[in-house]
Amino acid sequence: MEALLEALTLADAIGSIGALVVVAAYLATQVRLLNSEDLIFPVVNLLGSGLIVYSLLYNFNLASMLIEGFWIIISLIGIIQHFRLRQRAE
């Protein structure tokens, strides 16, 4: 375990934090602490995916970059949809 921690780079740490953020957002929706229709859900997912992408720029993995790219696009769609629906309601 000590060798693993010594080999951990800043990019790895940032990507790991991003993964925890994405998983925490998903967990929060599953236990009903967070509503997936609220703005905070796609924002948190965007943040987490952005952190993961940062780490992938240093340790590239095509499959991971693809999934994070789609995750970012989906999060942006959710953010745009939130503001469109809010604008229609006014």
PDB file of N, CA and C in Angstrom:
ATOM      1  N   MET A   1       0.823  -1.192   0.000  1.00  0.00           N
ATOM      2  CA  MET A   1       0.000   0.000   0.000  1.00  0.00           C
ATOM      3  C   MET A   1       0.869   1.258   0.000  1.00  0.00           C
ATOM      4  N   GLU A   2       1.961   1.213   0.740  1.00  0.00           N
ATOM      5  CA  GLU A   2       2.859   2.358   0.816  1.00  0.00           C
ATOM      6  C   GLU A   2       3.479   2.651  -0.548  1.00  0.00           C
ATOM      7  N   ALA A   3       3.849   1.598  -1.279  1.00  0.00           N
ATOM      8  CA  ALA A   3       4.433   1.782  -2.617  1.00  0.00           C
ATOM      9  C   ALA A   3       3.423   2.408  -3.560  1.00  0.00           C
ATOM     10  N   LEU A   4       2.172   2.021  -3.423  1.00  0.00           N
ATOM     11  CA  LEU A   4       1.112   2.597  -4.256  1.00  0.00           C
ATOM     12  C   LEU A   4       0.954   4.082  -3.976  1.00  0.00           C
ATOM     13  N   LEU A   5       0.947   4.454  -2.722  1.00  0.00           N
ATOM     14  CA  LEU A   5       0.811   5.866  -2.356  1.00  0.00           C
ATOM     15  C   LEU A   5       2.014   6.687  -2.810  1.00  0.00           C
ATOM     16  N   GLU A   6       3.196   6.095  -2.779  1.00  0.00           N
ATOM     17  CA  GLU A   6       4.393   6.797  -3.228  1.00  0.00           C
ATOM     18  C   GLU A   6       4.379   7.006  -4.743  1.00  0.00           C
ATOM     19  N   ALA A   7       3.767   6.079  -5.479  1.00  0.00           N
ATOM     20  CA  ALA A   7       3.708   6.168  -6.936  1.00  0.00           C
ATOM     21  C   ALA A   7       2.574   7.073  -7.411  1.00  0.00           C
ATOM     22  N   LEU A   8       1.688   7.458  -6.521  1.00  0.00           N
ATOM     23  CA  LEU A   8       0.536   8.285  -6.870  1.00  0.00           C
ATOM     24  C   LEU A   8       0.997   9.685  -7.271  1.00  0.00           C
ATOM     25  N   THR A   9       0.602  10.094  -8.474  1.00  0.00           N
ATOM     26  CA  THR A   9       0.948  11.431  -8.953  1.00  0.00           C
ATOM     27  C   THR A   9      -0.191  12.397  -8.632  1.00  0.00           C
ATOM     28  N   LEU A  10       0.060  13.672  -8.823  1.00  0.00           N
ATOM     29  CA  LEU A  10      -0.990  14.675  -8.624  1.00  0.00           C
ATOM     30  C   LEU A  10      -2.157  14.412  -9.573  1.00  0.00           C
ATOM     31  N   ALA A  11      -1.844  14.069 -10.819  1.00  0.00           N
ATOM     32  CA  ALA A  11      -2.901  13.764 -11.798  1.00  0.00           C
ATOM     33  C   ALA A  11      -3.738  12.571 -11.345  1.00  0.00           C
ATOM     34  N   ASP A  12      -3.081  11.550 -10.798  1.00  0.00           N
ATOM     35  CA  ASP A  12      -3.810  10.387 -10.275  1.00  0.00           C
ATOM     36  C   ASP A  12      -4.733  10.790  -9.130  1.00  0.00           C
ATOM     37  N   ALA A  13      -4.228  11.615  -8.245  1.00  0.00           N
ATOM     38  CA  ALA A  13      -5.029  12.062  -7.095  1.00  0.00           C
ATOM     39  C   ALA A  13      -6.236  12.868  -7.566  1.00  0.00           C
ATOM     40  N   ILE A  14      -6.030  13.763  -8.518  1.00  0.00           N
ATOM     41  CA  ILE A  14      -7.129  14.575  -9.036  1.00  0.00           C
ATOM     42  C   ILE A  14      -8.162  13.695  -9.723  1.00  0.00           C
ATOM     43  N   GLY A  15      -7.719  12.748 -10.527  1.00  0.00           N
ATOM     44  CA  GLY A  15      -8.650  11.823 -11.180  1.00  0.00           C
ATOM     45  C   GLY A  15      -9.411  10.969 -10.187  1.00  0.00           C
ATOM     46  N   SER A  16      -8.734  10.547  -9.129  1.00  0.00           N
ATOM     47  CA  SER A  16      -9.403   9.751  -8.094  1.00  0.00           C
ATOM     48  C   SER A  16     -10.472  10.564  -7.373  1.00  0.00           C
ATOM     49  N   ILE A  17     -10.175  11.816  -7.110  1.00  0.00           N
ATOM     50  CA  ILE A  17     -11.172  12.701  -6.500  1.00  0.00           C
ATOM     51  C   ILE A  17     -12.365  12.849  -7.436  1.00  0.00           C
ATOM     52  N   GLY A  18     -12.085  13.011  -8.727  1.00  0.00           N
ATOM     53  CA  GLY A  18     -13.168  13.105  -9.714  1.00  0.00           C
ATOM     54  C   GLY A  18     -14.050  11.872  -9.711  1.00  0.00           C
ATOM     55  N   ALA A  19     -13.425  10.703  -9.651  1.00  0.00           N
ATOM     56  CA  ALA A  19     -14.201   9.460  -9.610  1.00  0.00           C
ATOM     57  C   ALA A  19     -15.070   9.407  -8.358  1.00  0.00           C
ATOM     58  N   LEU A  20     -14.517   9.816  -7.234  1.00  0.00           N
ATOM     59  CA  LEU A  20     -15.304   9.844  -5.994  1.00  0.00           C
ATOM     60  C   LEU A  20     -16.469  10.826  -6.088  1.00  0.00           C
ATOM     61  N   VAL A  21     -16.255  11.952  -6.738  1.00  0.00           N
ATOM     62  CA  VAL A  21     -17.323  12.949  -6.904  1.00  0.00           C
ATOM     63  C   VAL A  21     -18.462  12.368  -7.737  1.00  0.00           C
ATOM     64  N   VAL A  22     -18.127  11.723  -8.857  1.00  0.00           N
ATOM     65  CA  VAL A  22     -19.154  11.141  -9.729  1.00  0.00           C
ATOM     66  C   VAL A  22     -19.919  10.039  -9.000  1.00  0.00           C
ATOM     67  N   VAL A  23     -19.215   9.177  -8.324  1.00  0.00           N
ATOM     68  CA  VAL A  23     -19.869   8.079  -7.596  1.00  0.00           C
ATOM     69  C   VAL A  23     -20.707   8.624  -6.444  1.00  0.00           C
ATOM     70  N   ALA A  24     -20.217   9.646  -5.757  1.00  0.00           N
ATOM     71  CA  ALA A  24     -20.983  10.248  -4.653  1.00  0.00           C
ATOM     72  C   ALA A  24     -22.282  10.860  -5.166  1.00  0.00           C
ATOM     73  N   ALA A  25     -22.232  11.500  -6.327  1.00  0.00           N
ATOM     74  CA  ALA A  25     -23.454  12.081  -6.906  1.00  0.00           C
ATOM     75  C   ALA A  25     -24.455  10.984  -7.239  1.00  0.00           C
ATOM     76  N   TYR A  26     -23.977   9.903  -7.804  1.00  0.00           N
ATOM     77  CA  TYR A  26     -24.860   8.787  -8.131  1.00  0.00           C
ATOM     78  C   TYR A  26     -25.447   8.164  -6.864  1.00  0.00           C
ATOM     79  N   LEU A  27     -24.613   7.949  -5.876  1.00  0.00           N
ATOM     80  CA  LEU A  27     -25.092   7.408  -4.604  1.00  0.00           C
ATOM     81  C   LEU A  27     -26.131   8.337  -3.981  1.00  0.00           C
ATOM     82  N   ALA A  28     -25.873   9.632  -4.013  1.00  0.00           N
ATOM     83  CA  ALA A  28     -26.807  10.595  -3.423  1.00  0.00           C
ATOM     84  C   ALA A  28     -28.172  10.541  -4.105  1.00  0.00           C
ATOM     85  N   THR A  29     -28.198  10.275  -5.415  1.00  0.00           N
ATOM     86  CA  THR A  29     -29.499  10.148  -6.078  1.00  0.00           C
ATOM     87  C   THR A  29     -30.191   8.848  -5.684  1.00  0.00           C
ATOM     88  N   GLN A  30     -29.405   7.799  -5.501  1.00  0.00           N
ATOM     89  CA  GLN A  30     -29.996   6.503  -5.159  1.00  0.00           C
ATOM     90  C   GLN A  30     -30.589   6.474  -3.760  1.00  0.00           C
ATOM     91  N   VAL A  31     -30.005   7.215  -2.838  1.00  0.00           N
ATOM     92  CA  VAL A  31     -30.522   7.243  -1.468  1.00  0.00           C
ATOM     93  C   VAL A  31     -31.420   8.459  -1.240  1.00  0.00           C
ATOM     94  N   ARG A  32     -31.774   9.112  -2.331  1.00  0.00           N
ATOM     95  CA  ARG A  32     -32.728  10.234  -2.339  1.00  0.00           C
ATOM     96  C   ARG A  32     -32.250  11.469  -1.570  1.00  0.00           C
ATOM     97  N   LEU A  33     -30.941  11.669  -1.513  1.00  0.00           N
ATOM     98  CA  LEU A  33     -30.401  12.902  -0.951  1.00  0.00           C
ATOM     99  C   LEU A  33     -30.289  13.979  -2.024  1.00  0.00           C
ATOM    100  N   LEU A  34     -30.290  13.556  -3.276  1.00  0.00           N
ATOM    101  CA  LEU A  34     -30.132  14.451  -4.407  1.00  0.00           C
ATOM    102  C   LEU A  34     -31.114  14.036  -5.481  1.00  0.00           C
ATOM    103  N   ASN A  35     -31.789  15.005  -6.075  1.00  0.00           N
ATOM    104  CA  ASN A  35     -32.734  14.742  -7.152  1.00  0.00           C
ATOM    105  C   ASN A  35     -32.005  14.911  -8.473  1.00  0.00           C
ATOM    106  N   SER A  36     -32.078  13.919  -9.333  1.00  0.00           N
ATOM    107  CA  SER A  36     -31.363  13.986 -10.605  1.00  0.00           C
ATOM    108  C   SER A  36     -31.893  15.094 -11.511  1.00  0.00           C
ATOM    109  N   GLU A  37     -33.051  15.659 -11.207  1.00  0.00           N
ATOM    110  CA  GLU A  37     -33.603  16.758 -11.999  1.00  0.00           C
ATOM    111  C   GLU A  37     -33.104  18.121 -11.523  1.00  0.00           C
ATOM    112  N   ASP A  38     -32.460  18.173 -10.378  1.00  0.00           N
ATOM    113  CA  ASP A  38     -31.909  19.434  -9.876  1.00  0.00           C
ATOM    114  C   ASP A  38     -30.640  19.786 -10.643  1.00  0.00           C
ATOM    115  N   LEU A  39     -30.348  21.072 -10.729  1.00  0.00           N
ATOM    116  CA  LEU A  39     -29.176  21.553 -11.434  1.00  0.00           C
ATOM    117  C   LEU A  39     -27.883  20.999 -10.853  1.00  0.00           C
ATOM    118  N   ILE A  40     -27.836  20.796  -9.567  1.00  0.00           N
ATOM    119  CA  ILE A  40     -26.599  20.370  -8.909  1.00  0.00           C
ATOM    120  C   ILE A  40     -26.121  19.011  -9.426  1.00  0.00           C
ATOM    121  N   PHE A  41     -27.034  18.137  -9.811  1.00  0.00           N
ATOM    122  CA  PHE A  41     -26.647  16.797 -10.262  1.00  0.00           C
ATOM    123  C   PHE A  41     -25.770  16.839 -11.507  1.00  0.00           C
ATOM    124  N   PRO A  42     -26.185  17.480 -12.614  1.00  0.00           N
ATOM    125  CA  PRO A  42     -25.285  17.517 -13.770  1.00  0.00           C
ATOM    126  C   PRO A  42     -24.040  18.370 -13.536  1.00  0.00           C
ATOM    127  N   VAL A  43     -24.137  19.379 -12.685  1.00  0.00           N
ATOM    128  CA  VAL A  43     -22.960  20.205 -12.389  1.00  0.00           C
ATOM    129  C   VAL A  43     -21.903  19.377 -11.658  1.00  0.00           C
ATOM    130  N   VAL A  44     -22.333  18.610 -10.673  1.00  0.00           N
ATOM    131  CA  VAL A  44     -21.398  17.766  -9.928  1.00  0.00           C
ATOM    132  C   VAL A  44     -20.804  16.697 -10.845  1.00  0.00           C
ATOM    133  N   ASN A  45     -21.617  16.119 -11.708  1.00  0.00           N
ATOM    134  CA  ASN A  45     -21.112  15.126 -12.651  1.00  0.00           C
ATOM    135  C   ASN A  45     -20.125  15.744 -13.630  1.00  0.00           C
ATOM    136  N   LEU A  46     -20.398  16.955 -14.078  1.00  0.00           N
ATOM    137  CA  LEU A  46     -19.479  17.656 -14.969  1.00  0.00           C
ATOM    138  C   LEU A  46     -18.146  17.910 -14.274  1.00  0.00           C
ATOM    139  N   LEU A  47     -18.215  18.348 -13.047  1.00  0.00           N
ATOM    140  CA  LEU A  47     -16.999  18.592 -12.269  1.00  0.00           C
ATOM    141  C   LEU A  47     -16.183  17.302 -12.110  1.00  0.00           C
ATOM    142  N   GLY A  48     -16.845  16.241 -11.686  1.00  0.00           N
ATOM    143  CA  GLY A  48     -16.151  14.971 -11.488  1.00  0.00           C
ATOM    144  C   GLY A  48     -15.528  14.456 -12.777  1.00  0.00           C
ATOM    145  N   SER A  49     -16.268  14.528 -13.870  1.00  0.00           N
ATOM    146  CA  SER A  49     -15.740  14.068 -15.152  1.00  0.00           C
ATOM    147  C   SER A  49     -14.580  14.934 -15.615  1.00  0.00           C
ATOM    148  N   GLY A  50     -14.674  16.225 -15.370  1.00  0.00           N
ATOM    149  CA  GLY A  50     -13.571  17.114 -15.726  1.00  0.00           C
ATOM    150  C   GLY A  50     -12.295  16.752 -14.989  1.00  0.00           C
ATOM    151  N   LEU A  51     -12.431  16.406 -13.723  1.00  0.00           N
ATOM    152  CA  LEU A  51     -11.260  15.995 -12.939  1.00  0.00           C
ATOM    153  C   LEU A  51     -10.671  14.682 -13.456  1.00  0.00           C
ATOM    154  N   ILE A  52     -11.547  13.774 -13.844  1.00  0.00           N
ATOM    155  CA  ILE A  52     -11.073  12.505 -14.397  1.00  0.00           C
ATOM    156  C   ILE A  52     -10.355  12.742 -15.730  1.00  0.00           C
ATOM    157  N   VAL A  53     -10.928  13.594 -16.573  1.00  0.00           N
ATOM    158  CA  VAL A  53     -10.286  13.907 -17.854  1.00  0.00           C
ATOM    159  C   VAL A  53      -8.902  14.517 -17.623  1.00  0.00           C
ATOM    160  N   TYR A  54      -8.785  15.375 -16.627  1.00  0.00           N
ATOM    161  CA  TYR A  54      -7.477  15.953 -16.308  1.00  0.00           C
ATOM    162  C   TYR A  54      -6.455  14.841 -16.075  1.00  0.00           C
ATOM    163  N   SER A  55      -6.826  13.844 -15.295  1.00  0.00           N
ATOM    164  CA  SER A  55      -5.878  12.755 -15.026  1.00  0.00           C
ATOM    165  C   SER A  55      -5.606  11.939 -16.282  1.00  0.00           C
ATOM    166  N   LEU A  56      -6.607  11.822 -17.159  1.00  0.00           N
ATOM    167  CA  LEU A  56      -6.418  11.055 -18.391  1.00  0.00           C
ATOM    168  C   LEU A  56      -5.490  11.765 -19.373  1.00  0.00           C
ATOM    169  N   LEU A  57      -5.355  13.062 -19.239  1.00  0.00           N
ATOM    170  CA  LEU A  57      -4.412  13.779 -20.094  1.00  0.00           C
ATOM    171  C   LEU A  57      -2.969  13.389 -19.766  1.00  0.00           C
ATOM    172  N   TYR A  58      -2.733  12.913 -18.560  1.00  0.00           N
ATOM    173  CA  TYR A  58      -1.408  12.475 -18.136  1.00  0.00           C
ATOM    174  C   TYR A  58      -1.228  10.970 -18.283  1.00  0.00           C
ATOM    175  N   ASN A  59      -2.302  10.227 -18.100  1.00  0.00           N
ATOM    176  CA  ASN A  59      -2.285   8.762 -18.204  1.00  0.00           C
ATOM    177  C   ASN A  59      -3.427   8.358 -19.135  1.00  0.00           C
ATOM    178  N   PHE A  60      -3.215   8.535 -20.435  1.00  0.00           N
ATOM    179  CA  PHE A  60      -4.297   8.368 -21.400  1.00  0.00           C
ATOM    180  C   PHE A  60      -4.786   6.934 -21.486  1.00  0.00           C
ATOM    181  N   ASN A  61      -6.110   6.817 -21.585  1.00  0.00           N
ATOM    182  CA  ASN A  61      -6.777   5.544 -21.812  1.00  0.00           C
ATOM    183  C   ASN A  61      -7.987   5.870 -22.683  1.00  0.00           C
ATOM    184  N   LEU A  62      -8.011   5.353 -23.902  1.00  0.00           N
ATOM    185  CA  LEU A  62      -9.050   5.715 -24.857  1.00  0.00           C
ATOM    186  C   LEU A  62     -10.459   5.401 -24.353  1.00  0.00           C
ATOM    187  N   ALA A  63     -10.663   4.223 -23.821  1.00  0.00           N
ATOM    188  CA  ALA A  63     -12.000   3.846 -23.351  1.00  0.00           C
ATOM    189  C   ALA A  63     -12.472   4.782 -22.240  1.00  0.00           C
ATOM    190  N   SER A  64     -11.592   5.107 -21.316  1.00  0.00           N
ATOM    191  CA  SER A  64     -11.957   6.005 -20.229  1.00  0.00           C
ATOM    192  C   SER A  64     -12.230   7.417 -20.747  1.00  0.00           C
ATOM    193  N   MET A  65     -11.422   7.862 -21.704  1.00  0.00           N
ATOM    194  CA  MET A  65     -11.632   9.195 -22.269  1.00  0.00           C
ATOM    195  C   MET A  65     -12.969   9.261 -23.009  1.00  0.00           C
ATOM    196  N   LEU A  66     -13.320   8.200 -23.714  1.00  0.00           N
ATOM    197  CA  LEU A  66     -14.615   8.163 -24.406  1.00  0.00           C
ATOM    198  C   LEU A  66     -15.771   8.267 -23.416  1.00  0.00           C
ATOM    199  N   ILE A  67     -15.742   7.464 -22.374  1.00  0.00           N
ATOM    200  CA  ILE A  67     -16.842   7.495 -21.414  1.00  0.00           C
ATOM    201  C   ILE A  67     -16.927   8.848 -20.724  1.00  0.00           C
ATOM    202  N   GLU A  68     -15.799   9.437 -20.389  1.00  0.00           N
ATOM    203  CA  GLU A  68     -15.818  10.745 -19.735  1.00  0.00           C
ATOM    204  C   GLU A  68     -16.260  11.837 -20.699  1.00  0.00           C
ATOM    205  N   GLY A  69     -15.882  11.705 -21.968  1.00  0.00           N
ATOM    206  CA  GLY A  69     -16.358  12.662 -22.970  1.00  0.00           C
ATOM    207  C   GLY A  69     -17.872  12.632 -23.085  1.00  0.00           C
ATOM    208  N   PHE A  70     -18.433  11.435 -23.154  1.00  0.00           N
ATOM    209  CA  PHE A  70     -19.892  11.309 -23.197  1.00  0.00           C
ATOM    210  C   PHE A  70     -20.529  11.808 -21.903  1.00  0.00           C
ATOM    211  N   TRP A  71     -19.894  11.531 -20.777  1.00  0.00           N
ATOM    212  CA  TRP A  71     -20.419  11.968 -19.476  1.00  0.00           C
ATOM    213  C   TRP A  71     -20.471  13.496 -19.416  1.00  0.00           C
ATOM    214  N   ILE A  72     -19.441  14.143 -19.955  1.00  0.00           N
ATOM    215  CA  ILE A  72     -19.411  15.606 -19.989  1.00  0.00           C
ATOM    216  C   ILE A  72     -20.509  16.134 -20.899  1.00  0.00           C
ATOM    217  N   ILE A  73     -20.674  15.543 -22.084  1.00  0.00           N
ATOM    218  CA  ILE A  73     -21.728  15.973 -23.011  1.00  0.00           C
ATOM    219  C   ILE A  73     -23.103  15.813 -22.372  1.00  0.00           C
ATOM    220  N   ILE A  74     -23.339  14.677 -21.752  1.00  0.00           N
ATOM    221  CA  ILE A  74     -24.632  14.416 -21.105  1.00  0.00           C
ATOM    222  C   ILE A  74     -24.862  15.408 -19.963  1.00  0.00           C
ATOM    223  N   SER A  75     -23.831  15.700 -19.199  1.00  0.00           N
ATOM    224  CA  SER A  75     -23.956  16.670 -18.105  1.00  0.00           C
ATOM    225  C   SER A  75     -24.291  18.057 -18.655  1.00  0.00           C
ATOM    226  N   LEU A  76     -23.628  18.444 -19.737  1.00  0.00           N
ATOM    227  CA  LEU A  76     -23.916  19.752 -20.350  1.00  0.00           C
ATOM    228  C   LEU A  76     -25.351  19.805 -20.879  1.00  0.00           C
ATOM    229  N   ILE A  77     -25.821  18.706 -21.448  1.00  0.00           N
ATOM    230  CA  ILE A  77     -27.212  18.639 -21.895  1.00  0.00           C
ATOM    231  C   ILE A  77     -28.150  18.836 -20.708  1.00  0.00           C
ATOM    232  N   GLY A  78     -27.860  18.192 -19.594  1.00  0.00           N
ATOM    233  CA  GLY A  78     -28.682  18.345 -18.391  1.00  0.00           C
ATOM    234  C   GLY A  78     -28.696  19.778 -17.879  1.00  0.00           C
ATOM    235  N   ILE A  79     -27.552  20.449 -17.915  1.00  0.00           N
ATOM    236  CA  ILE A  79     -27.472  21.837 -17.463  1.00  0.00           C
ATOM    237  C   ILE A  79     -28.275  22.737 -18.394  1.00  0.00           C
ATOM    238  N   ILE A  80     -28.104  22.567 -19.700  1.00  0.00           N
ATOM    239  CA  ILE A  80     -28.849  23.370 -20.677  1.00  0.00           C
ATOM    240  C   ILE A  80     -30.346  23.124 -20.535  1.00  0.00           C
ATOM    241  N   GLN A  81     -30.729  21.865 -20.387  1.00  0.00           N
ATOM    242  CA  GLN A  81     -32.145  21.525 -20.230  1.00  0.00           C
ATOM    243  C   GLN A  81     -32.725  22.167 -18.975  1.00  0.00           C
ATOM    244  N   HIS A  82     -31.965  22.186 -17.905  1.00  0.00           N
ATOM    245  CA  HIS A  82     -32.441  22.815 -16.668  1.00  0.00           C
ATOM    246  C   HIS A  82     -32.793  24.283 -16.910  1.00  0.00           C
ATOM    247  N   PHE A  83     -31.898  25.004 -17.573  1.00  0.00           N
ATOM    248  CA  PHE A  83     -32.145  26.426 -17.803  1.00  0.00           C
ATOM    249  C   PHE A  83     -33.253  26.660 -18.828  1.00  0.00           C
ATOM    250  N   ARG A  84     -33.371  25.800 -19.809  1.00  0.00           N
ATOM    251  CA  ARG A  84     -34.478  25.921 -20.782  1.00  0.00           C
ATOM    252  C   ARG A  84     -35.825  25.717 -20.096  1.00  0.00           C
ATOM    253  N   LEU A  85     -35.920  24.684 -19.277  1.00  0.00           N
ATOM    254  CA  LEU A  85     -37.189  24.416 -18.579  1.00  0.00           C
ATOM    255  C   LEU A  85     -37.512  25.528 -17.598  1.00  0.00           C
ATOM    256  N   ARG A  86     -36.497  26.049 -16.950  1.00  0.00           N
ATOM    257  CA  ARG A  86     -36.703  27.162 -15.997  1.00  0.00           C
ATOM    258  C   ARG A  86     -37.179  28.412 -16.723  1.00  0.00           C
ATOM    259  N   GLN A  87     -36.609  28.653 -17.896  1.00  0.00           N
ATOM    260  CA  GLN A  87     -36.982  29.828 -18.686  1.00  0.00           C
ATOM    261  C   GLN A  87     -38.435  29.702 -19.174  1.00  0.00           C
ATOM    262  N   ARG A  88     -38.850  28.514 -19.571  1.00  0.00           N
ATOM    263  CA  ARG A  88     -40.226  28.285 -20.027  1.00  0.00           C
ATOM    264  C   ARG A  88     -41.221  28.468 -18.890  1.00  0.00           C
ATOM    265  N   ALA A  89     -40.821  28.127 -17.671  1.00  0.00           N
ATOM    266  CA  ALA A  89     -41.715  28.208 -16.516  1.00  0.00           C
ATOM    267  C   ALA A  89     -41.949  29.652 -16.105  1.00  0.00           C
ATOM    268  N   GLU A  90     -41.060  30.553 -16.480  1.00  0.00           N
ATOM    269  CA  GLU A  90     -41.192  31.966 -16.052  1.00  0.00           C
ATOM    270  C   GLU A  90     -42.159  32.723 -16.868  1.00  0.00           C
TER     271      GLU A  90
END
